[in-house]
PDB file of N, CA and C in Angstrom:
ATOM      1  N   MET A   1     -10.005 -40.066  40.200  1.00  0.00           N
ATOM      2  CA  MET A   1      -8.622 -39.754  39.871  1.00  0.00           C
ATOM      3  C   MET A   1      -8.343 -40.052  38.402  1.00  0.00           C
ATOM      4  N   GLU A   2      -8.984 -41.072  37.890  1.00  0.00           N
ATOM      5  CA  GLU A   2      -8.783 -41.441  36.481  1.00  0.00           C
ATOM      6  C   GLU A   2      -9.339 -40.358  35.549  1.00  0.00           C
ATOM      7  N   LYS A   3     -10.444 -39.730  35.951  1.00  0.00           N
ATOM      8  CA  LYS A   3     -11.019 -38.647  35.134  1.00  0.00           C
ATOM      9  C   LYS A   3     -10.046 -37.475  35.035  1.00  0.00           C
ATOM     10  N   LEU A   4      -9.396 -37.166  36.140  1.00  0.00           N
ATOM     11  CA  LEU A   4      -8.425 -36.072  36.150  1.00  0.00           C
ATOM     12  C   LEU A   4      -7.234 -36.400  35.256  1.00  0.00           C
ATOM     13  N   ARG A   5      -6.761 -37.619  35.319  1.00  0.00           N
ATOM     14  CA  ARG A   5      -5.645 -38.046  34.471  1.00  0.00           C
ATOM     15  C   ARG A   5      -6.032 -37.978  32.994  1.00  0.00           C
ATOM     16  N   THR A   6      -7.238 -38.417  32.682  1.00  0.00           N
ATOM     17  CA  THR A   6      -7.722 -38.358  31.299  1.00  0.00           C
ATOM     18  C   THR A   6      -7.825 -36.914  30.830  1.00  0.00           C
ATOM     19  N   LEU A   7      -8.323 -36.040  31.709  1.00  0.00           N
ATOM     20  CA  LEU A   7      -8.453 -34.628  31.366  1.00  0.00           C
ATOM     21  C   LEU A   7      -7.092 -34.022  31.015  1.00  0.00           C
ATOM     22  N   PHE A   8      -6.079 -34.270  31.845  1.00  0.00           N
ATOM     23  CA  PHE A   8      -4.751 -33.725  31.575  1.00  0.00           C
ATOM     24  C   PHE A   8      -4.127 -34.338  30.325  1.00  0.00           C
ATOM     25  N   LYS A   9      -4.402 -35.583  30.050  1.00  0.00           N
ATOM     26  CA  LYS A   9      -3.887 -36.214  28.823  1.00  0.00           C
ATOM     27  C   LYS A   9      -4.517 -35.571  27.597  1.00  0.00           C
ATOM     28  N   GLU A  10      -5.827 -35.294  27.683  1.00  0.00           N
ATOM     29  CA  GLU A  10      -6.502 -34.623  26.561  1.00  0.00           C
ATOM     30  C   GLU A  10      -5.961 -33.211  26.364  1.00  0.00           C
ATOM     31  N   TYR A  11      -5.698 -32.494  27.456  1.00  0.00           N
ATOM     32  CA  TYR A  11      -5.099 -31.159  27.353  1.00  0.00           C
ATOM     33  C   TYR A  11      -3.739 -31.236  26.658  1.00  0.00           C
ATOM     34  N   ALA A  12      -2.926 -32.174  27.073  1.00  0.00           N
ATOM     35  CA  ALA A  12      -1.592 -32.310  26.493  1.00  0.00           C
ATOM     36  C   ALA A  12      -1.684 -32.673  25.017  1.00  0.00           C
ATOM     37  N   ASP A  13      -2.561 -33.599  24.669  1.00  0.00           N
ATOM     38  CA  ASP A  13      -2.722 -33.987  23.264  1.00  0.00           C
ATOM     39  C   ASP A  13      -3.162 -32.798  22.416  1.00  0.00           C
ATOM     40  N   GLU A  14      -4.086 -32.000  22.947  1.00  0.00           N
ATOM     41  CA  GLU A  14      -4.557 -30.847  22.186  1.00  0.00           C
ATOM     42  C   GLU A  14      -3.446 -29.824  21.996  1.00  0.00           C
ATOM     43  N   LEU A  15      -2.681 -29.548  23.055  1.00  0.00           N
ATOM     44  CA  LEU A  15      -1.602 -28.560  22.945  1.00  0.00           C
ATOM     45  C   LEU A  15      -0.491 -29.037  22.025  1.00  0.00           C
ATOM     46  N   LEU A  16      -0.225 -30.324  22.011  1.00  0.00           N
ATOM     47  CA  LEU A  16       0.881 -30.833  21.201  1.00  0.00           C
ATOM     48  C   LEU A  16       0.503 -31.071  19.745  1.00  0.00           C
ATOM     49  N   TYR A  17      -0.723 -31.505  19.494  1.00  0.00           N
ATOM     50  CA  TYR A  17      -1.059 -31.972  18.144  1.00  0.00           C
ATOM     51  C   TYR A  17      -2.149 -31.174  17.440  1.00  0.00           C
ATOM     52  N   LYS A  18      -2.965 -30.423  18.160  1.00  0.00           N
ATOM     53  CA  LYS A  18      -4.081 -29.733  17.518  1.00  0.00           C
ATOM     54  C   LYS A  18      -3.873 -28.219  17.403  1.00  0.00           C
ATOM     55  N   VAL A  19      -3.104 -27.643  18.295  1.00  0.00           N
ATOM     56  CA  VAL A  19      -2.871 -26.200  18.277  1.00  0.00           C
ATOM     57  C   VAL A  19      -1.841 -25.870  17.214  1.00  0.00           C
ATOM     58  N   GLN A  20      -2.135 -24.849  16.414  1.00  0.00           N
ATOM     59  CA  GLN A  20      -1.176 -24.417  15.405  1.00  0.00           C
ATOM     60  C   GLN A  20      -0.421 -23.214  15.982  1.00  0.00           C
ATOM     61  N   TRP A  21       0.807 -23.466  16.419  1.00  0.00           N
ATOM     62  CA  TRP A  21       1.623 -22.433  17.025  1.00  0.00           C
ATOM     63  C   TRP A  21       2.212 -21.537  15.946  1.00  0.00           C
ATOM     64  N   PRO A  22       2.346 -20.226  16.193  1.00  0.00           N
ATOM     65  CA  PRO A  22       2.917 -19.324  15.179  1.00  0.00           C
ATOM     66  C   PRO A  22       4.422 -19.565  15.022  1.00  0.00           C
ATOM     67  N   SER A  23       4.907 -19.240  13.832  1.00  0.00           N
ATOM     68  CA  SER A  23       6.345 -19.337  13.599  1.00  0.00           C
ATOM     69  C   SER A  23       7.029 -18.166  14.296  1.00  0.00           C
ATOM     70  N   ILE A  24       8.348 -18.225  14.374  1.00  0.00           N
ATOM     71  CA  ILE A  24       9.107 -17.141  15.012  1.00  0.00           C
ATOM     72  C   ILE A  24       8.875 -15.824  14.276  1.00  0.00           C
ATOM     73  N   GLU A  25       8.833 -15.860  12.957  1.00  0.00           N
ATOM     74  CA  GLU A  25       8.627 -14.637  12.166  1.00  0.00           C
ATOM     75  C   GLU A  25       7.251 -14.035  12.453  1.00  0.00           C
ATOM     76  N   GLU A  26       6.210 -14.880  12.503  1.00  0.00           N
ATOM     77  CA  GLU A  26       4.868 -14.391  12.793  1.00  0.00           C
ATOM     78  C   GLU A  26       4.798 -13.811  14.207  1.00  0.00           C
ATOM     79  N   LEU A  27       5.456 -14.473  15.128  1.00  0.00           N
ATOM     80  CA  LEU A  27       5.457 -14.018  16.517  1.00  0.00           C
ATOM     81  C   LEU A  27       6.159 -12.671  16.652  1.00  0.00           C
ATOM     82  N   GLN A  28       7.295 -12.514  15.980  1.00  0.00           N
ATOM     83  CA  GLN A  28       8.025 -11.242  16.024  1.00  0.00           C
ATOM     84  C   GLN A  28       7.209 -10.131  15.381  1.00  0.00           C
ATOM     85  N   SER A  29       6.563 -10.419  14.266  1.00  0.00           N
ATOM     86  CA  SER A  29       5.750  -9.423  13.581  1.00  0.00           C
ATOM     87  C   SER A  29       4.587  -8.980  14.463  1.00  0.00           C
ATOM     88  N   SER A  30       3.937  -9.924  15.092  1.00  0.00           N
ATOM     89  CA  SER A  30       2.818  -9.593  15.979  1.00  0.00           C
ATOM     90  C   SER A  30       3.295  -8.789  17.186  1.00  0.00           C
ATOM     91  N   THR A  31       4.442  -9.144  17.710  1.00  0.00           N
ATOM     92  CA  THR A  31       4.989  -8.430  18.863  1.00  0.00           C
ATOM     93  C   THR A  31       5.290  -6.983  18.512  1.00  0.00           C
ATOM     94  N   VAL A  32       5.887  -6.764  17.358  1.00  0.00           N
ATOM     95  CA  VAL A  32       6.204  -5.397  16.920  1.00  0.00           C
ATOM     96  C   VAL A  32       4.923  -4.600  16.707  1.00  0.00           C
ATOM     97  N   THR A  33       3.921  -5.238  16.120  1.00  0.00           N
ATOM     98  CA  THR A  33       2.646  -4.559  15.890  1.00  0.00           C
ATOM     99  C   THR A  33       2.006  -4.135  17.208  1.00  0.00           C
ATOM    100  N   VAL A  34       1.987  -5.025  18.183  1.00  0.00           N
ATOM    101  CA  VAL A  34       1.403  -4.708  19.485  1.00  0.00           C
ATOM    102  C   VAL A  34       2.212  -3.616  20.181  1.00  0.00           C
ATOM    103  N   LEU A  35       3.521  -3.668  20.083  1.00  0.00           N
ATOM    104  CA  LEU A  35       4.369  -2.657  20.703  1.00  0.00           C
ATOM    105  C   LEU A  35       4.106  -1.279  20.106  1.00  0.00           C
ATOM    106  N   ILE A  36       4.037  -1.196  18.797  1.00  0.00           N
ATOM    107  CA  ILE A  36       3.779   0.089  18.129  1.00  0.00           C
ATOM    108  C   ILE A  36       2.398   0.616  18.487  1.00  0.00           C
ATOM    109  N   ALA A  37       1.389  -0.266  18.472  1.00  0.00           N
ATOM    110  CA  ALA A  37       0.035   0.158  18.824  1.00  0.00           C
ATOM    111  C   ALA A  37      -0.017   0.640  20.275  1.00  0.00           C
ATOM    112  N   SER A  38       0.674  -0.042  21.167  1.00  0.00           N
ATOM    113  CA  SER A  38       0.686   0.357  22.580  1.00  0.00           C
ATOM    114  C   SER A  38       1.336   1.721  22.763  1.00  0.00           C
ATOM    115  N   ILE A  39       2.425   1.964  22.061  1.00  0.00           N
ATOM    116  CA  ILE A  39       3.100   3.269  22.145  1.00  0.00           C
ATOM    117  C   ILE A  39       2.202   4.368  21.594  1.00  0.00           C
ATOM    118  N   MET A  40       1.524   4.099  20.481  1.00  0.00           N
ATOM    119  CA  MET A  40       0.636   5.103  19.897  1.00  0.00           C
ATOM    120  C   MET A  40      -0.520   5.424  20.847  1.00  0.00           C
ATOM    121  N   ILE A  41      -1.113   4.421  21.455  1.00  0.00           N
ATOM    122  CA  ILE A  41      -2.209   4.649  22.398  1.00  0.00           C
ATOM    123  C   ILE A  41      -1.710   5.420  23.609  1.00  0.00           C
ATOM    124  N   ALA A  42      -0.522   5.069  24.102  1.00  0.00           N
ATOM    125  CA  ALA A  42       0.045   5.782  25.245  1.00  0.00           C
ATOM    126  C   ALA A  42       0.280   7.255  24.900  1.00  0.00           C
ATOM    127  N   LEU A  43       0.750   7.533  23.693  1.00  0.00           N
ATOM    128  CA  LEU A  43       0.972   8.921  23.279  1.00  0.00           C
ATOM    129  C   LEU A  43      -0.337   9.691  23.172  1.00  0.00           C
ATOM    130  N   VAL A  44      -1.387   9.043  22.679  1.00  0.00           N
ATOM    131  CA  VAL A  44      -2.698   9.696  22.592  1.00  0.00           C
ATOM    132  C   VAL A  44      -3.220  10.015  23.989  1.00  0.00           C
ATOM    133  N   VAL A  45      -3.109   9.058  24.899  1.00  0.00           N
ATOM    134  CA  VAL A  45      -3.566   9.286  26.270  1.00  0.00           C
ATOM    135  C   VAL A  45      -2.738  10.396  26.924  1.00  0.00           C
ATOM    136  N   PHE A  46      -1.425  10.394  26.697  1.00  0.00           N
ATOM    137  CA  PHE A  46      -0.571  11.450  27.241  1.00  0.00           C
ATOM    138  C   PHE A  46      -0.998  12.809  26.697  1.00  0.00           C
ATOM    139  N   GLY A  47      -1.262  12.880  25.392  1.00  0.00           N
ATOM    140  CA  GLY A  47      -1.694  14.139  24.786  1.00  0.00           C
ATOM    141  C   GLY A  47      -3.012  14.627  25.363  1.00  0.00           C
ATOM    142  N   MET A  48      -3.953  13.717  25.522  1.00  0.00           N
ATOM    143  CA  MET A  48      -5.242  14.093  26.101  1.00  0.00           C
ATOM    144  C   MET A  48      -5.068  14.576  27.537  1.00  0.00           C
ATOM    145  N   ASP A  49      -4.229  13.907  28.303  1.00  0.00           N
ATOM    146  CA  ASP A  49      -3.976  14.299  29.680  1.00  0.00           C
ATOM    147  C   ASP A  49      -3.320  15.670  29.734  1.00  0.00           C
ATOM    148  N   PHE A  50      -2.363  15.907  28.850  1.00  0.00           N
ATOM    149  CA  PHE A  50      -1.669  17.196  28.818  1.00  0.00           C
ATOM    150  C   PHE A  50      -2.641  18.327  28.493  1.00  0.00           C
ATOM    151  N   VAL A  51      -3.487  18.124  27.482  1.00  0.00           N
ATOM    152  CA  VAL A  51      -4.450  19.154  27.089  1.00  0.00           C
ATOM    153  C   VAL A  51      -5.447  19.399  28.218  1.00  0.00           C
ATOM    154  N   PHE A  52      -5.972  18.340  28.820  1.00  0.00           N
ATOM    155  CA  PHE A  52      -6.930  18.493  29.904  1.00  0.00           C
ATOM    156  C   PHE A  52      -6.294  19.203  31.098  1.00  0.00           C
ATOM    157  N   ASN A  53      -5.063  18.815  31.424  1.00  0.00           N
ATOM    158  CA  ASN A  53      -4.362  19.445  32.543  1.00  0.00           C
ATOM    159  C   ASN A  53      -4.151  20.936  32.269  1.00  0.00           C
ATOM    160  N   SER A  54      -3.739  21.267  31.062  1.00  0.00           N
ATOM    161  CA  SER A  54      -3.537  22.678  30.708  1.00  0.00           C
ATOM    162  C   SER A  54      -4.843  23.455  30.771  1.00  0.00           C
ATOM    163  N   ALA A  55      -5.919  22.859  30.292  1.00  0.00           N
ATOM    164  CA  ALA A  55      -7.222  23.527  30.323  1.00  0.00           C
ATOM    165  C   ALA A  55      -7.682  23.744  31.758  1.00  0.00           C
ATOM    166  N   MET A  56      -7.487  22.756  32.603  1.00  0.00           N
ATOM    167  CA  MET A  56      -7.899  22.895  34.003  1.00  0.00           C
ATOM    168  C   MET A  56      -7.061  23.956  34.720  1.00  0.00           C
ATOM    169  N   LYS A  57      -5.761  24.007  34.452  1.00  0.00           N
ATOM    170  CA  LYS A  57      -4.923  25.042  35.053  1.00  0.00           C
ATOM    171  C   LYS A  57      -5.384  26.423  34.607  1.00  0.00           C
ATOM    172  N   GLY A  58      -5.735  26.545  33.320  1.00  0.00           N
ATOM    173  CA  GLY A  58      -6.246  27.825  32.819  1.00  0.00           C
ATOM    174  C   GLY A  58      -7.545  28.222  33.480  1.00  0.00           C
ATOM    175  N   LEU A  59      -8.445  27.270  33.668  1.00  0.00           N
ATOM    176  CA  LEU A  59      -9.718  27.575  34.334  1.00  0.00           C
ATOM    177  C   LEU A  59      -9.506  27.939  35.791  1.00  0.00           C
ATOM    178  N   TYR A  60      -8.624  27.217  36.484  1.00  0.00           N
ATOM    179  CA  TYR A  60      -8.352  27.515  37.885  1.00  0.00           C
ATOM    180  C   TYR A  60      -7.698  28.883  38.044  1.00  0.00           C
ATOM    181  N   SER A  61      -6.843  29.259  37.082  1.00  0.00           N
ATOM    182  CA  SER A  61      -6.206  30.584  37.178  1.00  0.00           C
ATOM    183  C   SER A  61      -7.236  31.691  36.991  1.00  0.00           C
ATOM    184  N   LEU A  62      -8.287  31.450  36.211  1.00  0.00           N
ATOM    185  CA  LEU A  62      -9.345  32.445  36.049  1.00  0.00           C
ATOM    186  C   LEU A  62     -10.191  32.575  37.311  1.00  0.00           C
ATOM    187  N   VAL A  63     -10.399  31.469  37.997  1.00  0.00           N
ATOM    188  CA  VAL A  63     -11.218  31.477  39.201  1.00  0.00           C
ATOM    189  C   VAL A  63     -10.481  32.122  40.345  1.00  0.00           C
ATOM    190  N   ASN A  64      -9.207  31.834  40.476  1.00  0.00           N
ATOM    191  CA  ASN A  64      -8.418  32.371  41.614  1.00  0.00           C
ATOM    192  C   ASN A  64      -7.908  33.689  41.237  1.00  0.00           C
TER     193      ASN A  64
END
């Protein structure tokens, strides 16, 4: 039980004193960057899906 208590104390000490947490400005900047990148990737995937879907509909219309 003492080992477990020591482990949690070390975790707490590391989180409180050794981890360098980002400032609010850095956090907001990173959040905006991730949001923009996610939207851009979603748009690329949507575009690829749209083109593939259109191509498949065209091929199916030729077959039928």
